[in-house]
Amino acid sequence: ATLTGDNGKLNAETARANTERDNAVDDARAARAAFDKLTSDKDKLSAEVARLDEELRKMTERADGLDRETSRLTDEVGKMKVSADETAAANKKLSADLDAIKSENNQLTATLGKMSQER
């Protein structure tokens, strides 16, 4: 009777140990699956960070190019303004020269008029 009782206890103990082992294996598999998922998520995030880094680099490059173009156009506008100012000054001088020529022409015409009357 004692051997049968001991055998029953051993069978129960073995079954309990087997259940604990099975549960531990299940827990290890779940932990491994969670680890694999986290690794996959990390890899996806790393790829996304790299993609965004490249996008940011391109945008920065484009912004730098636009800054250079803006500076170039600002210089160009400055040159055009100087050129317009020089043209206006030259036109003013030509207009004054023309007025002086007209005045001189009027004086010569008057002088010729007097000379022809005196003859």
Foldseek 3Di string as FASTA:
>chain_A
DVVVVVVVVVVVVVVVVVVVVVVVVVVVVVVVVVVVVVVVVVVVVVVVVVVVVVVVVVVVVVVVVVVVVVVVVVVVVVVVVVVVVVVVVVVVVVVVVVVVVVVVVVVVVVVVVVVVVVD
